Amino acid sequence: MIPHSSSHSSSGKMLQTTAYHAPLLEYSNELLRQPANSAIALLPPVVDMSSNRDEVCRAILDGGKEFGFIQVVNHGVPEQAIRDMELVSQEFFQLSAADKAHLYSEDTNKPTRFFSGTTFETGGDKYSMNTLRLAYSFPNGDSSKEWPSSPPKLREVAMKYMELTRGLGMELLRLLCEGLGLRSDYFEGDISRGDTALSLFQYPPSSDPSMTLGLPPHCDRNLITILLPSAVKGLQILYNGDWIDAQSVPNAFIVNFGLQLEVVTNGILKSIEHRVVTNSVSRLSIGTFIHPTENCLIGPADEFLTEDNLPLYRAMTFGDFKRIYNVIKLDSSLNLTTNLRDIQENI
């Protein structure tokens, strides 16, 4: 990575912003809660993984530049593994409160836990969501021993599903390397060897969906997310200032580019704000989140830096990045990369 010039470091800022994010400054609470533009739906670019490899690389890169989201089909994850994961997830949420109580924790540092609501700072606002988070460190993880033993098949099914979807995520990262001109193993080290988190999200039905969010606006702090969408709509993406329903095609995974990809590519790829709204019926979705290790130092790759193209982002460990991420209030700015520029180094 090219070091920051003195003009950057003397400012005391954690991060510089880009013109792309400039319009997202200073969102009010009203905009945070504004309804989606119901007349518009967004279909994230569909990438057929069985196509010519060069075409796949271009499609992934184009989608990441424009939307920060893509969806992939012919991805190699067997339909049976997906159905099994959906079934065991439903069985877990159908367990009694007493059967889930020992898993409940509000400690965000606990790798495996069950929790309700949201871990974001939201100024007292309520968000309706139940989550089971299962963590595992590849290649030599041992945290699965903390996974719940009920339903009986959960551990077996979840591990298989996690391995398959993590493998898909790593293949997408290799394809990104090819498209971006990075060495093929750029994302093979510590930047992808933190916990892989498999999160099962249940959004209960709401009597008034217009007044309740399932998940507040945010960007994912990790590297890349592989999301199995629900047949019930709920995911919304902030696009050109409007909250737009994100549609998916059958048998697709939605892929979300995390903030670490935006940092590594010096803003070429975008991590886009998204949220989840509730419905009159229950909704289930499942996300696989690939994380760096805590001590992994992440900054713009040298390949994207020149004397005329200076780093937009300050290099920092993922642990420090998470610490900053956790103190940002959503009612001051939706976008982490915009808000980080105003966070001082001594927080």
Protein backbone atom coordinates (compact mmCIF):
# COMPACT_ATOMS: atom_id res chain seq x y z
CA MET A 1 0.00 0.00 0.00
CA ILE A 2 1.22 3.52 -0.77
CA PRO A 3 1.52 5.59 2.45
CA HIS A 4 -0.70 8.62 2.88
CA SER A 5 0.83 11.98 2.13
CA SER A 6 1.29 14.42 5.00
CA SER A 7 -1.72 16.39 3.84
CA HIS A 8 -3.86 13.33 4.51
CA SER A 9 -2.34 12.24 7.80
CA SER A 10 -2.26 15.72 9.33
CA SER A 11 -6.02 16.00 9.08
CA GLY A 12 -6.52 13.34 11.74
CA LYS A 13 -9.27 11.74 9.68
CA MET A 14 -9.76 8.00 9.58
CA LEU A 15 -10.98 7.94 6.02
CA GLN A 16 -11.41 10.10 2.99
CA THR A 17 -14.69 10.00 1.12
CA THR A 18 -15.45 9.79 -2.58
CA ALA A 19 -17.70 11.83 -4.81
CA TYR A 20 -19.92 8.77 -5.17
CA HIS A 21 -20.87 8.99 -1.50
CA ALA A 22 -21.11 12.77 -1.23
CA PRO A 23 -24.90 12.95 -1.81
CA LEU A 24 -25.45 10.59 1.15
CA LEU A 25 -24.35 13.06 3.83
CA GLU A 26 -26.63 14.30 6.61
CA TYR A 27 -29.67 12.10 6.24
CA SER A 28 -32.49 13.03 8.58
CA ASN A 29 -34.50 10.63 10.69
CA GLU A 30 -37.37 11.14 8.28
CA LEU A 31 -35.31 9.85 5.38
CA LEU A 32 -34.10 6.93 7.44
CA ARG A 33 -37.71 5.88 7.82
CA GLN A 34 -39.05 6.91 4.44
CA PRO A 35 -41.06 4.25 2.63
CA ALA A 36 -39.71 2.56 -0.44
CA ASN A 37 -40.57 3.99 -3.82
CA SER A 38 -43.25 1.41 -4.50
CA ALA A 39 -43.36 2.25 -8.20
CA ILE A 40 -39.79 1.06 -8.71
CA ALA A 41 -38.14 -2.30 -8.16
CA LEU A 42 -34.47 -3.03 -8.65
CA LEU A 43 -33.24 -6.28 -10.13
CA PRO A 44 -29.58 -6.58 -9.15
CA PRO A 45 -27.49 -7.75 -12.12
CA VAL A 46 -27.82 -11.49 -12.71
CA VAL A 47 -24.50 -13.30 -13.15
CA ASP A 48 -24.64 -16.79 -14.66
CA MET A 49 -21.68 -18.61 -13.13
CA SER A 50 -21.77 -21.20 -15.92
CA SER A 51 -20.95 -18.59 -18.58
CA ASN A 52 -17.55 -17.89 -20.10
CA ARG A 53 -15.14 -17.01 -17.29
CA ASP A 54 -14.15 -13.66 -18.79
CA GLU A 55 -17.82 -12.73 -19.13
CA VAL A 56 -18.46 -13.70 -15.52
CA CYS A 57 -15.54 -11.56 -14.34
CA ARG A 58 -16.82 -8.55 -16.24
CA ALA A 59 -20.39 -9.00 -15.01
CA ILE A 60 -19.32 -9.27 -11.36
CA LEU A 61 -17.11 -6.21 -11.65
CA ASP A 62 -19.75 -4.13 -13.44
CA GLY A 63 -22.36 -5.02 -10.83
CA GLY A 64 -20.00 -4.18 -7.99
CA LYS A 65 -19.16 -0.79 -9.46
CA GLU A 66 -22.75 0.24 -10.10
CA PHE A 67 -24.86 -1.43 -7.42
CA GLY A 68 -22.64 -3.10 -4.82
CA PHE A 69 -25.03 -6.03 -5.20
CA ILE A 70 -25.30 -8.83 -7.73
CA GLN A 71 -27.19 -12.10 -7.85
CA VAL A 72 -25.68 -15.35 -9.06
CA VAL A 73 -27.32 -18.35 -10.70
CA ASN A 74 -25.85 -21.72 -11.67
CA HIS A 75 -23.67 -21.22 -8.62
CA GLY A 76 -23.00 -24.86 -7.82
CA VAL A 77 -24.72 -24.99 -4.43
CA PRO A 78 -27.09 -27.99 -4.61
CA GLU A 79 -30.77 -27.23 -4.27
CA GLN A 80 -31.12 -29.95 -1.63
CA ALA A 81 -28.52 -28.27 0.59
CA ILE A 82 -30.48 -25.03 0.32
CA ARG A 83 -33.82 -26.67 1.11
CA ASP A 84 -32.30 -28.52 4.07
CA MET A 85 -30.90 -25.26 5.44
CA GLU A 86 -34.25 -23.50 5.09
CA LEU A 87 -36.05 -26.38 6.82
CA VAL A 88 -33.68 -26.63 9.78
CA SER A 89 -33.79 -22.83 10.17
CA GLN A 90 -37.57 -22.90 10.39
CA GLU A 91 -37.36 -25.74 12.91
CA PHE A 92 -34.99 -23.71 15.08
CA PHE A 93 -37.25 -20.67 15.21
CA GLN A 94 -40.20 -22.93 16.05
CA LEU A 95 -38.45 -24.09 19.23
CA SER A 96 -39.91 -22.80 22.47
CA ALA A 97 -38.42 -19.72 24.11
CA ALA A 98 -37.15 -21.96 26.91
CA ASP A 99 -35.27 -24.16 24.44
CA LYS A 100 -33.53 -21.11 22.94
CA ALA A 101 -32.92 -19.22 26.19
CA HIS A 102 -29.44 -20.64 26.87
CA LEU A 103 -28.27 -19.30 23.49
CA TYR A 104 -29.50 -15.76 24.07
CA SER A 105 -26.79 -13.11 24.39
CA GLU A 106 -26.42 -9.40 23.74
CA ASP A 107 -22.62 -9.72 23.74
CA THR A 108 -21.67 -8.80 20.17
CA ASN A 109 -18.24 -10.39 20.66
CA LYS A 110 -19.73 -13.82 21.24
CA PRO A 111 -19.27 -15.86 18.03
CA THR A 112 -22.38 -18.02 18.38
CA ARG A 113 -25.52 -16.57 19.92
CA PHE A 114 -29.24 -16.00 19.56
CA PHE A 115 -30.55 -12.46 19.84
CA SER A 116 -33.56 -10.33 19.08
CA GLY A 117 -33.78 -6.80 17.74
CA THR A 118 -30.61 -5.20 16.44
CA THR A 119 -27.01 -4.65 17.52
CA PHE A 120 -26.89 -1.25 15.85
CA GLU A 121 -27.09 1.99 17.82
CA THR A 122 -30.50 3.25 16.83
CA GLY A 123 -31.44 5.90 19.35
CA GLY A 124 -34.09 3.74 20.98
CA ASP A 125 -35.93 2.81 17.80
CA LYS A 126 -37.26 -0.74 17.66
CA TYR A 127 -36.50 -3.23 14.94
CA SER A 128 -38.27 -6.54 14.66
CA MET A 129 -35.85 -9.40 14.00
CA ASN A 130 -34.70 -12.66 15.57
CA THR A 131 -31.25 -13.98 14.67
CA LEU A 132 -29.23 -17.10 15.24
CA ARG A 133 -25.55 -16.45 14.49
CA LEU A 134 -23.29 -19.47 13.96
CA ALA A 135 -19.56 -18.78 13.60
CA TYR A 136 -16.73 -20.96 12.31
CA SER A 137 -13.11 -20.14 11.48
CA PHE A 138 -11.68 -21.75 8.36
CA PRO A 139 -9.60 -23.82 7.89
CA ASN A 140 -9.09 -24.85 11.53
CA GLY A 141 -12.17 -23.66 13.36
CA ASP A 142 -13.40 -25.07 16.65
CA SER A 143 -16.30 -22.74 17.45
CA SER A 144 -18.91 -25.13 16.04
CA LYS A 145 -18.90 -26.97 19.37
CA GLU A 146 -20.92 -24.02 20.68
CA TRP A 147 -23.60 -24.46 18.02
CA PRO A 148 -27.00 -25.58 19.32
CA SER A 149 -27.73 -29.30 19.35
CA SER A 150 -31.39 -28.75 18.61
CA PRO A 151 -32.88 -29.23 16.08
CA PRO A 152 -30.92 -32.50 15.82
CA LYS A 153 -29.74 -31.95 12.23
CA LEU A 154 -28.83 -28.28 12.61
CA ARG A 155 -25.07 -28.72 13.08
CA GLU A 156 -24.66 -31.13 10.18
CA VAL A 157 -26.87 -29.20 7.78
CA ALA A 158 -25.48 -25.77 8.73
CA MET A 159 -21.85 -26.88 8.41
CA LYS A 160 -22.44 -28.32 4.95
CA TYR A 161 -24.30 -25.20 3.85
CA MET A 162 -21.63 -22.91 5.29
CA GLU A 163 -18.85 -24.78 3.50
CA LEU A 164 -20.73 -24.58 0.19
CA THR A 165 -21.64 -20.90 0.41
CA ARG A 166 -18.22 -19.92 1.73
CA GLY A 167 -16.72 -21.76 -1.23
CA LEU A 168 -18.98 -19.76 -3.54
CA GLY A 169 -17.88 -16.54 -1.88
CA MET A 170 -14.20 -17.41 -2.26
CA GLU A 171 -14.71 -18.25 -5.95
CA LEU A 172 -16.39 -14.88 -6.46
CA LEU A 173 -13.40 -13.20 -4.81
CA ARG A 174 -11.02 -15.06 -7.14
CA LEU A 175 -13.09 -13.90 -10.11
CA LEU A 176 -12.91 -10.35 -8.79
CA CYS A 177 -9.12 -10.67 -8.61
CA GLU A 178 -9.03 -11.61 -12.27
CA GLY A 179 -11.29 -8.75 -13.26
CA LEU A 180 -9.42 -6.20 -11.16
CA GLY A 181 -5.90 -7.30 -12.05
CA LEU A 182 -5.03 -8.44 -8.53
CA ARG A 183 -2.95 -11.53 -7.88
CA SER A 184 -5.20 -14.58 -7.75
CA ASP A 185 -4.60 -15.30 -4.05
CA TYR A 186 -5.11 -11.73 -2.81
CA PHE A 187 -8.16 -12.71 -0.75
CA GLU A 188 -6.87 -16.12 0.35
CA GLY A 189 -5.01 -15.05 3.51
CA ASP A 190 -6.02 -13.35 6.74
CA ILE A 191 -8.39 -11.06 4.89
CA SER A 192 -10.81 -14.00 4.56
CA ARG A 193 -9.74 -16.21 7.48
CA GLY A 194 -11.65 -14.58 10.28
CA ASP A 195 -14.94 -16.04 11.41
CA THR A 196 -17.32 -17.06 8.68
CA ALA A 197 -20.70 -16.26 10.18
CA LEU A 198 -23.88 -18.03 9.15
CA SER A 199 -26.79 -15.88 10.28
CA LEU A 200 -30.37 -17.09 10.24
CA PHE A 201 -32.74 -14.11 10.17
CA GLN A 202 -36.39 -14.39 11.10
CA TYR A 203 -38.54 -11.30 10.66
CA PRO A 204 -41.85 -11.74 12.52
CA PRO A 205 -45.07 -10.53 10.90
CA SER A 206 -46.02 -6.94 11.63
CA SER A 207 -49.52 -5.57 12.04
CA ASP A 208 -48.26 -2.27 10.58
CA PRO A 209 -45.20 -2.86 8.36
CA SER A 210 -45.00 0.85 7.52
CA MET A 211 -44.03 1.58 11.13
CA THR A 212 -41.54 -1.23 11.79
CA LEU A 213 -38.24 -2.07 10.15
CA GLY A 214 -36.76 -5.54 10.30
CA LEU A 215 -33.17 -4.30 10.04
CA PRO A 216 -31.97 -0.68 10.04
CA PRO A 217 -30.03 0.91 7.17
CA HIS A 218 -26.40 -0.17 7.10
CA CYS A 219 -23.46 -1.32 5.01
CA ASP A 220 -21.97 -4.73 5.78
CA ARG A 221 -18.65 -4.34 7.58
CA ASN A 222 -17.20 -7.64 6.33
CA LEU A 223 -15.61 -8.69 3.03
CA ILE A 224 -18.47 -10.31 1.11
CA THR A 225 -21.92 -11.65 1.94
CA ILE A 226 -23.81 -14.51 0.29
CA LEU A 227 -27.52 -14.09 1.00
CA LEU A 228 -30.26 -16.64 0.39
CA PRO A 229 -33.23 -14.36 -0.21
CA SER A 230 -36.75 -14.96 0.97
CA ALA A 231 -39.74 -15.48 -1.27
CA VAL A 232 -41.34 -12.74 0.83
CA LYS A 233 -40.06 -9.33 -0.20
CA GLY A 234 -38.26 -7.21 2.36
CA LEU A 235 -34.71 -6.35 1.26
CA GLN A 236 -34.35 -2.77 0.08
CA ILE A 237 -31.35 -0.99 -1.43
CA LEU A 238 -30.69 2.74 -1.33
CA TYR A 239 -30.28 3.66 -4.99
CA ASN A 240 -30.14 7.23 -6.29
CA GLY A 241 -31.63 8.50 -3.03
CA ASP A 242 -34.62 6.14 -2.95
CA TRP A 243 -35.26 2.94 -1.05
CA ILE A 244 -35.93 0.37 -3.76
CA ASP A 245 -37.24 -3.17 -3.36
CA ALA A 246 -34.51 -5.61 -4.41
CA GLN A 247 -35.99 -8.37 -6.52
CA SER A 248 -34.35 -11.74 -7.03
CA VAL A 249 -34.69 -14.38 -9.71
CA PRO A 250 -35.45 -18.02 -8.84
CA ASN A 251 -32.59 -20.17 -7.50
CA ALA A 252 -30.28 -17.19 -7.05
CA PHE A 253 -28.06 -16.01 -4.24
CA ILE A 254 -27.81 -12.26 -3.68
CA VAL A 255 -24.19 -11.19 -3.22
CA ASN A 256 -23.41 -8.05 -1.24
CA PHE A 257 -20.00 -6.40 -1.48
CA GLY A 258 -18.82 -5.50 2.03
CA LEU A 259 -16.97 -2.40 3.17
CA GLN A 260 -13.62 -4.21 3.12
CA LEU A 261 -13.96 -4.71 -0.65
CA GLU A 262 -14.65 -1.02 -1.06
CA VAL A 263 -11.53 -0.19 0.95
CA VAL A 264 -9.26 -2.69 -0.85
CA THR A 265 -10.35 -1.42 -4.27
CA ASN A 266 -10.03 2.23 -3.19
CA GLY A 267 -13.68 2.88 -3.97
CA ILE A 268 -13.90 1.04 -7.30
CA LEU A 269 -16.36 -1.44 -5.80
CA LYS A 270 -19.20 -0.01 -3.73
CA SER A 271 -20.69 -1.16 -0.47
CA ILE A 272 -24.27 0.05 -0.65
CA GLU A 273 -26.72 0.90 2.12
CA HIS A 274 -29.53 -1.57 2.54
CA ARG A 275 -32.27 -2.34 5.03
CA VAL A 276 -35.05 -4.86 5.63
CA VAL A 277 -38.71 -3.96 5.98
CA THR A 278 -41.29 -6.14 7.67
CA ASN A 279 -44.41 -7.68 6.17
CA SER A 280 -47.76 -8.97 7.33
CA VAL A 281 -46.30 -12.48 7.15
CA SER A 282 -43.13 -13.96 8.64
CA ARG A 283 -39.95 -13.82 6.57
CA LEU A 284 -36.78 -15.96 6.67
CA SER A 285 -33.43 -15.23 5.05
CA ILE A 286 -29.98 -16.75 5.53
CA GLY A 287 -26.66 -14.95 5.14
CA THR A 288 -23.08 -16.21 4.97
CA PHE A 289 -20.61 -13.48 5.97
CA ILE A 290 -16.88 -13.84 5.24
CA HIS A 291 -14.70 -11.79 7.62
CA PRO A 292 -11.02 -10.88 7.96
CA THR A 293 -9.08 -11.79 11.09
CA GLU A 294 -9.02 -9.18 13.86
CA ASN A 295 -5.36 -8.25 13.25
CA CYS A 296 -5.53 -8.18 9.45
CA LEU A 297 -4.33 -4.78 8.22
CA ILE A 298 -6.60 -3.63 5.40
CA GLY A 299 -6.15 -0.67 3.11
CA PRO A 300 -6.27 0.12 -0.60
CA ALA A 301 -4.26 -2.34 -2.69
CA ASP A 302 -1.12 -0.97 -4.34
CA GLU A 303 -2.53 -1.86 -7.76
CA PHE A 304 -5.10 0.94 -7.44
CA LEU A 305 -2.73 3.66 -6.20
CA THR A 306 -0.52 6.09 -8.06
CA GLU A 307 0.86 9.55 -7.36
CA ASP A 308 -2.27 10.92 -9.02
CA ASN A 309 -4.64 8.44 -7.37
CA LEU A 310 -3.96 8.62 -3.65
CA PRO A 311 -5.54 6.35 -1.04
CA LEU A 312 -9.10 7.31 -0.19
CA TYR A 313 -9.06 5.09 2.88
CA ARG A 314 -6.74 4.87 5.85
CA ALA A 315 -5.26 1.40 6.43
CA MET A 316 -6.31 -0.15 9.74
CA THR A 317 -6.79 -3.55 11.28
CA PHE A 318 -10.19 -5.12 10.96
CA GLY A 319 -10.47 -5.04 14.75
CA ASP A 320 -10.02 -1.26 14.74
CA PHE A 321 -12.43 -0.97 11.84
CA LYS A 322 -15.11 -2.83 13.82
CA ARG A 323 -14.53 -0.61 16.84
CA ILE A 324 -15.20 2.48 14.75
CA TYR A 325 -18.13 0.86 12.96
CA ASN A 326 -19.80 0.14 16.28
CA VAL A 327 -19.79 3.77 17.47
CA ILE A 328 -21.32 5.29 14.35
CA LYS A 329 -24.89 6.42 14.90
CA LEU A 330 -27.29 5.72 12.07
CA ASP A 331 -29.27 8.90 12.62
CA SER A 332 -26.27 11.05 11.63
CA SER A 333 -25.36 9.32 8.37
CA LEU A 334 -26.34 6.13 6.65
CA ASN A 335 -23.02 5.54 5.03
CA LEU A 336 -20.04 4.28 6.99
CA THR A 337 -17.46 5.47 4.49
CA THR A 338 -18.93 8.96 4.55
CA ASN A 339 -19.22 9.12 8.33
CA LEU A 340 -15.80 7.65 9.05
CA ARG A 341 -14.05 10.71 7.66
CA ASP A 342 -15.30 12.66 10.69
CA ILE A 343 -14.22 10.08 13.29
CA GLN A 344 -10.96 11.06 14.97
CA GLU A 345 -8.13 8.62 15.49
CA ASN A 346 -8.31 8.87 19.28
CA ILE A 347 -11.87 7.60 19.76
